[in-house]
Amino acid sequence: MDSLFYQLIFHTKTKRWFQLLEIIEENEHILSQKLIDQAQVARRTILNDVKEIKDFFCDTIQLIGDEKGYHFSFCDPTGFYKKKQALLEEEKLFLFVDQLAAGKRLRNYQWAQYLSVSEAAIGRMKRLLQIILSKSYGVRLETKTNQLKGEEAAIRQFLYDFYFTLPLYPNVLTDHVRHLHSGKLIVHQGTWHLDRQLLNQWLKLTKLRIDQGYSLPERKDQQVLQTLLVQALDQQVTVKLPEPEKAALFLLALDEKQFLNPLTQKAFIQTFSPGTGLRFLVRSTESLTYQLFETLLSLMKTFFQLPVMSQFSQELDEQAHLLALVNRYLAEKHSYIHTVYVTYHLIGPQALRSWIKTEVQKCFAQVGLHLIEAAIGDQFGMVRHVCITNRQIEEVPQATIRLPYLPSSRAIVAALTEYV
């Protein structure tokens, strides 16, 4: 619970309430001792907080229990969310960061007036923000000018985490954050798959920083690679940006799921690896994933620079980051290998269609396959797609499981067993 969201909450009690609510919402039924252990708060404090939480959220939730344990359920999720958001009304550090990002330049006493807090409170908020910035991003807040200083990529990473990863914002920021989350840029199909959401999010931060006079450094020593990355972006989107910004934007918007396909991995390495002329045997996949992420990290290090550290700690950090990328990829690959996308073409009453879907889900689960209902589309890598129908059609498309109009459980099991 040391995420940026919790770090930005200035008031101890508010932070504790959010932590308790997160644990209770996740568990639904929880013993008091487990709640105490997870929250790491004294028993008496927990009991008082739970009582106050029940009073604050009123009839939007049901929170039943005593010193032994609690049961939680929703009565009015929308009302609960609004009340939860109201807890952040006095958390002025969120608004402070938002206005810093907007480029507002104020002295301490002016910030105090703007945020309706004392100058002493501004001082404490700045000290807290300094700790967050320096510890996690290698960025600092200048004492006199109150401006963010540090590597441009690190500042943007902090802003991205603030605007696009937090679960909740004070009501005063809701419209602004919603606008940042809305994506409008058209992405055309190209050689590489770009995540539209990531692309739009990073583009908005890029334009925000450029409008304020901040940009990523030019890398004239990597002109060939930069040109390749710029061309890859231009193939799919039309946007006016300096070339270093386009190169970084392409890398930041890459959808990693496409690399579940070894052929895509090879193509990316051959196109963008600093070591030119790489060739792979058709069936060679050994060390391919490691080479892929080494290439990605090398490109990110060049075109979206991280804060400068000592050589020793930098090497350790890069190795840890590389290992984390590979492990995440392997976990995602395992998930996708065990995933089947299903499109249903079913006829009959709703009850019959629902029953067939339930039986199909049950059968796939028994053999360890995860089912996702989706339309036929561009699925990545080794993810399978199958159509299931109970329509009596003469020609059966490839990867289709045909069932009787009124199938028995045994018939469904037999059909799916044959497919698996």
Protein backbone atom coordinates (compact mmCIF):
# COMPACT_ATOMS: atom_id res chain seq x y z
CA MET A 1 0.00 0.00 0.00
CA ASP A 2 2.92 2.32 -0.66
CA SER A 3 1.57 3.27 -4.11
CA LEU A 4 1.66 6.86 -5.31
CA PHE A 5 -2.02 7.25 -4.37
CA TYR A 6 -1.36 6.55 -0.69
CA GLN A 7 1.83 8.59 -0.68
CA LEU A 8 -0.10 11.65 -1.87
CA ILE A 9 -2.69 11.43 0.92
CA PHE A 10 -1.52 13.98 3.46
CA HIS A 11 -3.83 13.29 6.40
CA THR A 12 -3.01 10.15 8.37
CA LYS A 13 -6.60 9.27 9.22
CA THR A 14 -7.77 9.61 5.61
CA LYS A 15 -4.95 7.36 4.45
CA ARG A 16 -5.83 4.80 7.13
CA TRP A 17 -9.50 4.82 6.10
CA PHE A 18 -8.62 4.17 2.45
CA GLN A 19 -6.33 1.33 3.47
CA LEU A 20 -9.04 -0.24 5.64
CA LEU A 21 -11.63 0.13 2.90
CA GLU A 22 -9.32 -1.49 0.36
CA ILE A 23 -8.80 -4.51 2.62
CA ILE A 24 -12.49 -4.82 3.52
CA GLU A 25 -13.70 -4.42 -0.08
CA GLU A 26 -11.26 -7.05 -1.28
CA ASN A 27 -12.07 -9.62 1.40
CA GLU A 28 -15.80 -9.00 2.02
CA HIS A 29 -15.63 -11.35 5.03
CA ILE A 30 -12.65 -10.71 7.29
CA LEU A 31 -11.61 -11.53 10.84
CA SER A 32 -10.68 -8.56 13.01
CA GLN A 33 -7.22 -9.97 13.68
CA LYS A 34 -6.53 -10.35 9.97
CA LEU A 35 -7.69 -6.79 9.41
CA ILE A 36 -5.37 -5.58 12.17
CA ASP A 37 -2.44 -7.57 10.76
CA GLN A 38 -2.93 -6.29 7.21
CA ALA A 39 -3.57 -2.68 8.19
CA GLN A 40 -0.82 -2.73 10.86
CA VAL A 41 -2.92 -0.55 13.13
CA ALA A 42 -3.83 -0.98 16.80
CA ARG A 43 -7.05 -2.89 17.58
CA ARG A 44 -8.73 0.06 19.30
CA THR A 45 -7.96 2.34 16.35
CA ILE A 46 -9.42 -0.24 13.95
CA LEU A 47 -12.63 -0.56 15.97
CA ASN A 48 -13.08 3.22 16.16
CA ASP A 49 -12.34 3.64 12.44
CA VAL A 50 -14.81 0.93 11.42
CA LYS A 51 -17.54 2.54 13.52
CA GLU A 52 -16.86 5.95 11.98
CA ILE A 53 -16.68 4.45 8.48
CA LYS A 54 -20.12 2.88 8.98
CA ASP A 55 -21.53 6.25 10.06
CA PHE A 56 -19.85 8.14 7.22
CA PHE A 57 -20.98 5.84 4.41
CA CYS A 58 -24.45 5.33 5.93
CA ASP A 59 -26.78 3.30 3.74
CA THR A 60 -24.40 3.06 0.76
CA ILE A 61 -22.79 -0.02 2.33
CA GLN A 62 -23.56 -2.79 4.76
CA LEU A 63 -20.77 -3.32 7.26
CA ILE A 64 -21.81 -5.83 9.89
CA GLY A 65 -19.68 -7.28 12.65
CA ASP A 66 -18.02 -6.85 16.00
CA GLU A 67 -14.60 -7.32 17.57
CA LYS A 68 -14.34 -10.79 16.02
CA GLY A 69 -14.83 -9.89 12.38
CA TYR A 70 -16.79 -8.04 9.70
CA HIS A 71 -18.91 -8.63 6.62
CA PHE A 72 -18.95 -5.98 3.88
CA SER A 73 -21.35 -5.55 0.95
CA PHE A 74 -22.57 -2.73 -1.30
CA CYS A 75 -26.03 -1.21 -1.11
CA ASP A 76 -25.40 1.77 -3.38
CA PRO A 77 -22.02 1.53 -5.20
CA THR A 78 -22.45 4.92 -6.90
CA GLY A 79 -23.23 6.66 -3.62
CA PHE A 80 -20.33 4.83 -1.96
CA TYR A 81 -17.93 6.03 -4.68
CA LYS A 82 -19.08 9.64 -4.26
CA LYS A 83 -18.62 9.52 -0.50
CA LYS A 84 -15.24 7.88 -0.94
CA GLN A 85 -14.25 10.66 -3.31
CA ALA A 86 -15.42 13.21 -0.76
CA LEU A 87 -12.75 11.91 1.63
CA LEU A 88 -10.19 13.49 -0.73
CA GLU A 89 -11.68 17.00 -0.61
CA GLU A 90 -9.14 18.18 1.96
CA GLU A 91 -6.22 16.36 0.32
CA LYS A 92 -4.74 19.48 -1.27
CA LEU A 93 -1.53 17.76 -2.39
CA PHE A 94 -3.46 16.30 -5.36
CA LEU A 95 -4.47 19.78 -6.52
CA PHE A 96 -0.95 21.07 -5.81
CA VAL A 97 0.58 18.42 -8.12
CA ASP A 98 -2.05 19.07 -10.79
CA GLN A 99 -1.29 22.78 -10.83
CA LEU A 100 2.47 22.16 -10.85
CA ALA A 101 1.90 20.00 -13.92
CA ALA A 102 -0.10 22.82 -15.50
CA GLY A 103 2.90 25.12 -15.05
CA LYS A 104 1.46 27.39 -12.37
CA ARG A 105 4.22 29.50 -10.80
CA LEU A 106 3.49 30.72 -7.29
CA ARG A 107 5.45 31.52 -4.16
CA ASN A 108 4.71 29.65 -0.93
CA TYR A 109 2.33 32.29 0.45
CA GLN A 110 0.51 32.40 -2.89
CA TRP A 111 0.15 28.62 -2.88
CA ALA A 112 -1.22 28.83 0.64
CA GLN A 113 -3.86 31.30 -0.54
CA TYR A 114 -4.67 29.30 -3.67
CA LEU A 115 -5.09 26.02 -1.77
CA SER A 116 -6.74 27.65 1.28
CA VAL A 117 -4.18 26.26 3.72
CA SER A 118 -1.58 27.77 6.02
CA GLU A 119 1.98 28.44 4.90
CA ALA A 120 3.11 25.87 7.46
CA ALA A 121 0.88 23.28 5.76
CA ILE A 122 2.38 24.20 2.38
CA GLY A 123 5.83 23.62 3.83
CA ARG A 124 4.83 20.16 5.10
CA MET A 125 3.19 19.26 1.78
CA LYS A 126 6.30 20.29 -0.14
CA ARG A 127 8.52 18.19 2.12
CA LEU A 128 6.29 15.17 1.56
CA LEU A 129 6.29 15.73 -2.19
CA GLN A 130 10.08 16.12 -2.18
CA ILE A 131 10.41 12.67 -0.59
CA ILE A 132 8.06 11.10 -3.17
CA LEU A 133 9.83 12.76 -6.11
CA SER A 134 13.40 12.04 -5.06
CA LYS A 135 12.83 8.49 -3.83
CA SER A 136 10.80 7.15 -6.76
CA TYR A 137 11.66 9.40 -9.71
CA GLY A 138 14.96 11.18 -9.09
CA VAL A 139 13.12 14.50 -9.48
CA ARG A 140 13.16 17.50 -7.15
CA LEU A 141 10.93 20.45 -6.37
CA GLU A 142 12.83 23.74 -6.39
CA THR A 143 12.46 25.51 -3.06
CA LYS A 144 11.93 29.06 -4.35
CA THR A 145 10.27 28.65 -7.75
CA ASN A 146 8.25 25.53 -6.87
CA GLN A 147 8.98 23.96 -10.25
CA LEU A 148 9.73 20.32 -11.07
CA LYS A 149 13.39 19.79 -11.95
CA GLY A 150 15.21 16.70 -13.19
CA GLU A 151 15.41 14.44 -16.22
CA GLU A 152 12.51 15.25 -18.53
CA ALA A 153 11.60 11.56 -18.93
CA ALA A 154 11.48 11.12 -15.15
CA ILE A 155 9.19 14.14 -14.73
CA ARG A 156 6.87 12.77 -17.41
CA GLN A 157 6.85 9.36 -15.76
CA PHE A 158 5.75 10.98 -12.50
CA LEU A 159 3.00 12.91 -14.30
CA TYR A 160 1.89 9.77 -16.12
CA ASP A 161 1.65 7.85 -12.85
CA PHE A 162 -0.28 10.73 -11.30
CA TYR A 163 -2.83 11.17 -14.08
CA PHE A 164 -3.22 7.61 -15.35
CA THR A 165 -2.64 5.13 -12.52
CA LEU A 166 -4.46 6.49 -9.47
CA PRO A 167 -7.78 4.85 -8.54
CA LEU A 168 -9.46 8.06 -7.38
CA TYR A 169 -9.09 11.86 -7.52
CA PRO A 170 -10.68 14.74 -5.62
CA ASN A 171 -13.87 15.93 -7.28
CA VAL A 172 -12.23 19.20 -8.33
CA LEU A 173 -9.88 17.24 -10.64
CA THR A 174 -12.40 14.76 -12.02
CA ASP A 175 -13.29 16.60 -15.24
CA HIS A 176 -9.67 17.40 -16.03
CA VAL A 177 -8.54 13.80 -15.48
CA ARG A 178 -11.49 12.49 -17.51
CA HIS A 179 -10.43 14.76 -20.40
CA LEU A 180 -6.88 13.44 -20.25
CA HIS A 181 -8.19 9.88 -20.36
CA SER A 182 -10.29 10.50 -23.46
CA GLY A 183 -8.42 9.44 -26.59
CA LYS A 184 -9.15 10.89 -30.02
CA LEU A 185 -6.05 10.20 -32.13
CA ILE A 186 -6.74 7.88 -35.07
CA VAL A 187 -4.33 4.94 -35.29
CA HIS A 188 -3.93 3.20 -38.64
CA GLN A 189 -2.91 -0.40 -39.02
CA GLY A 190 0.82 -0.84 -39.43
CA THR A 191 3.73 -3.20 -38.95
CA TRP A 192 3.69 -2.78 -35.17
CA HIS A 193 0.66 -2.77 -32.93
CA LEU A 194 0.27 0.40 -30.86
CA ASP A 195 -1.89 0.57 -27.76
CA ARG A 196 -4.35 3.40 -28.54
CA GLN A 197 -4.87 4.24 -24.89
CA LEU A 198 -1.17 4.45 -24.09
CA LEU A 199 -0.55 6.45 -27.25
CA ASN A 200 -3.20 9.04 -26.45
CA GLN A 201 -2.15 9.32 -22.81
CA TRP A 202 1.53 9.84 -23.50
CA LEU A 203 0.74 12.18 -26.39
CA LYS A 204 -1.26 14.47 -24.11
CA LEU A 205 1.57 14.60 -21.57
CA THR A 206 4.08 15.20 -24.38
CA LYS A 207 2.11 18.15 -25.74
CA LEU A 208 1.61 19.51 -22.21
CA ARG A 209 5.35 19.55 -21.55
CA ILE A 210 6.27 20.88 -25.01
CA ASP A 211 3.77 23.73 -24.65
CA GLN A 212 5.56 24.67 -21.41
CA GLY A 213 8.94 24.68 -23.15
CA TYR A 214 10.24 21.27 -22.06
CA SER A 215 11.30 18.59 -24.53
CA LEU A 216 13.32 15.40 -24.71
CA PRO A 217 16.97 15.83 -25.70
CA GLU A 218 18.09 15.39 -29.30
CA ARG A 219 20.17 12.23 -29.90
CA LYS A 220 22.24 13.07 -32.96
CA ASP A 221 24.53 10.09 -32.28
CA GLN A 222 21.56 7.74 -32.85
CA GLN A 223 20.11 9.35 -35.96
CA VAL A 224 19.61 6.07 -37.86
CA LEU A 225 17.66 4.41 -35.04
CA GLN A 226 15.68 7.58 -34.42
CA THR A 227 14.68 7.73 -38.07
CA LEU A 228 13.50 4.10 -37.99
CA LEU A 229 11.36 4.75 -34.89
CA VAL A 230 9.92 7.96 -36.34
CA GLN A 231 9.02 6.18 -39.59
CA ALA A 232 7.33 3.41 -37.62
CA LEU A 233 5.16 5.97 -35.80
CA ASP A 234 4.41 8.03 -38.92
CA GLN A 235 3.18 4.88 -40.63
CA GLN A 236 0.28 4.69 -38.17
CA VAL A 237 -0.47 8.17 -36.80
CA THR A 238 -0.28 11.76 -37.98
CA VAL A 239 1.03 14.05 -35.29
CA LYS A 240 3.27 17.12 -35.34
CA LEU A 241 6.14 16.56 -32.92
CA PRO A 242 9.94 16.85 -32.97
CA GLU A 243 11.62 13.61 -34.04
CA PRO A 244 12.99 12.69 -30.55
CA GLU A 245 9.45 13.01 -29.20
CA LYS A 246 8.07 10.77 -31.96
CA ALA A 247 10.72 8.12 -31.29
CA ALA A 248 9.89 8.07 -27.58
CA LEU A 249 6.14 8.09 -28.22
CA PHE A 250 6.41 5.04 -30.48
CA LEU A 251 8.29 3.08 -27.82
CA LEU A 252 5.94 4.15 -25.02
CA ALA A 253 2.86 3.15 -27.02
CA LEU A 254 4.01 -0.32 -28.13
CA ASP A 255 1.57 -3.05 -27.17
CA GLU A 256 3.70 -5.76 -25.55
CA LYS A 257 1.11 -8.45 -26.29
CA GLN A 258 2.24 -8.55 -29.91
CA PHE A 259 5.58 -9.94 -28.77
CA LEU A 260 3.93 -13.16 -27.64
CA ASN A 261 4.52 -14.16 -31.26
CA PRO A 262 8.18 -15.22 -31.74
CA LEU A 263 8.10 -14.05 -35.37
CA THR A 264 7.20 -10.54 -34.18
CA GLN A 265 10.02 -10.69 -31.65
CA LYS A 266 12.52 -11.57 -34.37
CA ALA A 267 11.24 -8.88 -36.70
CA PHE A 268 11.50 -6.21 -33.98
CA ILE A 269 15.04 -7.23 -33.01
CA GLN A 270 16.17 -7.31 -36.63
CA THR A 271 14.64 -3.88 -37.29
CA PHE A 272 15.64 -1.96 -34.20
CA SER A 273 18.54 -3.74 -32.51
CA PRO A 274 21.68 -1.56 -32.34
CA GLY A 275 23.59 -4.63 -33.55
CA THR A 276 22.78 -4.66 -37.27
CA GLY A 277 22.56 -7.67 -39.52
CA LEU A 278 21.06 -10.07 -36.93
CA ARG A 279 19.69 -13.24 -38.47
CA PHE A 280 17.80 -16.10 -36.82
CA LEU A 281 17.08 -19.64 -37.84
CA VAL A 282 13.38 -20.12 -38.61
CA ARG A 283 12.83 -22.34 -35.57
CA SER A 284 15.34 -20.65 -33.29
CA THR A 285 13.66 -19.12 -30.23
CA GLU A 286 16.33 -19.69 -27.57
CA SER A 287 17.18 -16.47 -25.71
CA LEU A 288 14.84 -14.63 -28.08
CA THR A 289 12.74 -13.08 -25.32
CA TYR A 290 15.84 -11.87 -23.47
CA GLN A 291 17.21 -10.30 -26.68
CA LEU A 292 13.87 -8.64 -27.35
CA PHE A 293 13.72 -6.89 -23.99
CA GLU A 294 17.40 -6.02 -24.11
CA THR A 295 16.59 -4.26 -27.38
CA LEU A 296 13.55 -2.51 -25.89
CA LEU A 297 15.50 -1.37 -22.82
CA SER A 298 18.37 -0.12 -24.96
CA LEU A 299 15.94 1.91 -27.07
CA MET A 300 14.14 3.29 -24.01
CA LYS A 301 17.44 4.21 -22.39
CA THR A 302 18.43 6.09 -25.54
CA PHE A 303 15.18 7.85 -26.44
CA PHE A 304 13.38 8.13 -23.09
CA GLN A 305 16.25 8.58 -20.68
CA LEU A 306 16.01 7.55 -17.06
CA PRO A 307 17.63 9.51 -14.20
CA VAL A 308 21.42 9.21 -14.11
CA MET A 309 22.68 7.02 -11.27
CA SER A 310 26.06 5.67 -10.28
CA GLN A 311 27.41 3.10 -12.76
CA PHE A 312 27.10 0.24 -10.26
CA SER A 313 23.54 1.00 -9.18
CA GLN A 314 22.55 1.73 -12.78
CA GLU A 315 23.74 -1.72 -13.89
CA LEU A 316 21.86 -3.36 -11.03
CA ASP A 317 18.72 -1.38 -11.84
CA GLU A 318 18.90 -2.26 -15.53
CA GLN A 319 19.36 -5.96 -14.76
CA ALA A 320 16.45 -5.91 -12.32
CA HIS A 321 14.28 -4.07 -14.84
CA LEU A 322 15.22 -6.52 -17.59
CA LEU A 323 14.44 -9.50 -15.34
CA ALA A 324 11.09 -7.95 -14.36
CA LEU A 325 10.18 -7.44 -18.03
CA VAL A 326 11.08 -11.02 -18.93
CA ASN A 327 9.19 -12.46 -15.94
CA ARG A 328 6.13 -10.35 -16.75
CA TYR A 329 6.29 -11.50 -20.34
CA LEU A 330 6.55 -15.16 -19.35
CA ALA A 331 3.62 -14.80 -16.95
CA GLU A 332 1.55 -13.12 -19.64
CA LYS A 333 2.58 -15.76 -22.17
CA HIS A 334 1.47 -18.50 -19.77
CA SER A 335 -1.85 -16.71 -19.33
CA TYR A 336 -2.37 -16.35 -23.05
CA ILE A 337 -1.37 -19.93 -23.83
CA HIS A 338 -4.09 -21.01 -21.42
CA THR A 339 -6.65 -18.60 -22.83
CA VAL A 340 -9.27 -19.28 -25.48
CA TYR A 341 -11.29 -16.49 -27.09
CA VAL A 342 -14.83 -17.70 -27.80
CA THR A 343 -17.48 -16.26 -30.07
CA TYR A 344 -20.97 -17.70 -29.64
CA HIS A 345 -23.48 -18.05 -32.47
CA LEU A 346 -26.36 -19.51 -30.51
CA ILE A 347 -30.07 -19.66 -31.19
CA GLY A 348 -32.99 -20.46 -28.92
CA PRO A 349 -34.40 -18.82 -25.78
CA GLN A 350 -32.13 -16.83 -23.49
CA ALA A 351 -32.24 -19.52 -20.80
CA LEU A 352 -30.91 -22.13 -23.26
CA ARG A 353 -28.13 -19.86 -24.51
CA SER A 354 -27.07 -18.99 -20.96
CA TRP A 355 -27.04 -22.68 -19.97
CA ILE A 356 -24.83 -23.61 -22.97
CA LYS A 357 -22.37 -20.84 -22.11
CA THR A 358 -22.21 -21.98 -18.48
CA GLU A 359 -21.53 -25.59 -19.49
CA VAL A 360 -18.86 -24.53 -21.98
CA GLN A 361 -17.16 -22.38 -19.33
CA LYS A 362 -17.22 -25.28 -16.89
CA CYS A 363 -15.71 -27.73 -19.40
CA PHE A 364 -12.83 -25.43 -20.36
CA ALA A 365 -12.10 -24.65 -16.70
CA GLN A 366 -11.77 -28.36 -15.92
CA VAL A 367 -8.86 -28.64 -18.36
CA GLY A 368 -7.21 -25.46 -17.11
CA LEU A 369 -8.22 -23.12 -19.93
CA HIS A 370 -9.44 -19.58 -19.32
CA LEU A 371 -12.35 -18.49 -21.48
CA ILE A 372 -12.91 -14.96 -22.79
CA GLU A 373 -16.02 -14.14 -24.77
CA ALA A 374 -15.04 -11.81 -27.58
CA ALA A 375 -15.72 -10.95 -31.17
CA ILE A 376 -13.49 -12.34 -33.88
CA GLY A 377 -10.60 -9.96 -34.28
CA ASP A 378 -6.89 -9.52 -34.27
CA GLN A 379 -5.75 -11.70 -31.37
CA PHE A 380 -2.06 -11.75 -30.60
CA GLY A 381 0.52 -14.45 -30.57
CA MET A 382 -0.61 -17.92 -29.69
CA VAL A 383 -4.04 -17.02 -28.36
CA ARG A 384 -6.68 -19.31 -29.79
CA HIS A 385 -10.07 -18.35 -31.07
CA VAL A 386 -13.03 -20.67 -31.53
CA CYS A 387 -16.64 -20.22 -32.56
CA ILE A 388 -19.33 -22.25 -30.78
CA THR A 389 -22.72 -22.63 -32.40
CA ASN A 390 -25.90 -24.69 -32.09
CA ARG A 391 -27.15 -23.57 -35.48
CA GLN A 392 -27.72 -26.26 -38.07
CA ILE A 393 -25.44 -25.01 -40.82
CA GLU A 394 -24.05 -27.10 -43.65
CA GLU A 395 -20.62 -25.50 -43.96
CA VAL A 396 -18.70 -25.22 -40.74
CA PRO A 397 -15.94 -22.55 -40.72
CA GLN A 398 -12.52 -23.55 -39.44
CA ALA A 399 -12.12 -23.48 -35.63
CA THR A 400 -15.84 -23.93 -35.02
CA ILE A 401 -17.42 -26.28 -32.49
CA ARG A 402 -20.88 -27.30 -33.62
CA LEU A 403 -23.41 -28.44 -31.01
CA PRO A 404 -26.92 -29.84 -31.34
CA TYR A 405 -29.69 -27.27 -30.97
CA LEU A 406 -30.55 -28.81 -27.57
CA PRO A 407 -27.22 -30.26 -26.44
CA SER A 408 -26.79 -32.42 -23.38
CA SER A 409 -23.93 -31.84 -20.96
CA ARG A 410 -22.34 -35.02 -22.32
CA ALA A 411 -22.57 -33.73 -25.90
CA ILE A 412 -20.88 -30.46 -24.95
CA VAL A 413 -18.11 -32.30 -23.11
CA ALA A 414 -17.55 -34.61 -26.11
CA ALA A 415 -17.37 -31.68 -28.57
CA LEU A 416 -14.99 -29.65 -26.43
CA THR A 417 -12.82 -32.66 -25.63
CA GLU A 418 -12.35 -33.27 -29.32
CA TYR A 419 -11.37 -29.61 -29.81
CA VAL A 420 -8.90 -29.57 -26.90
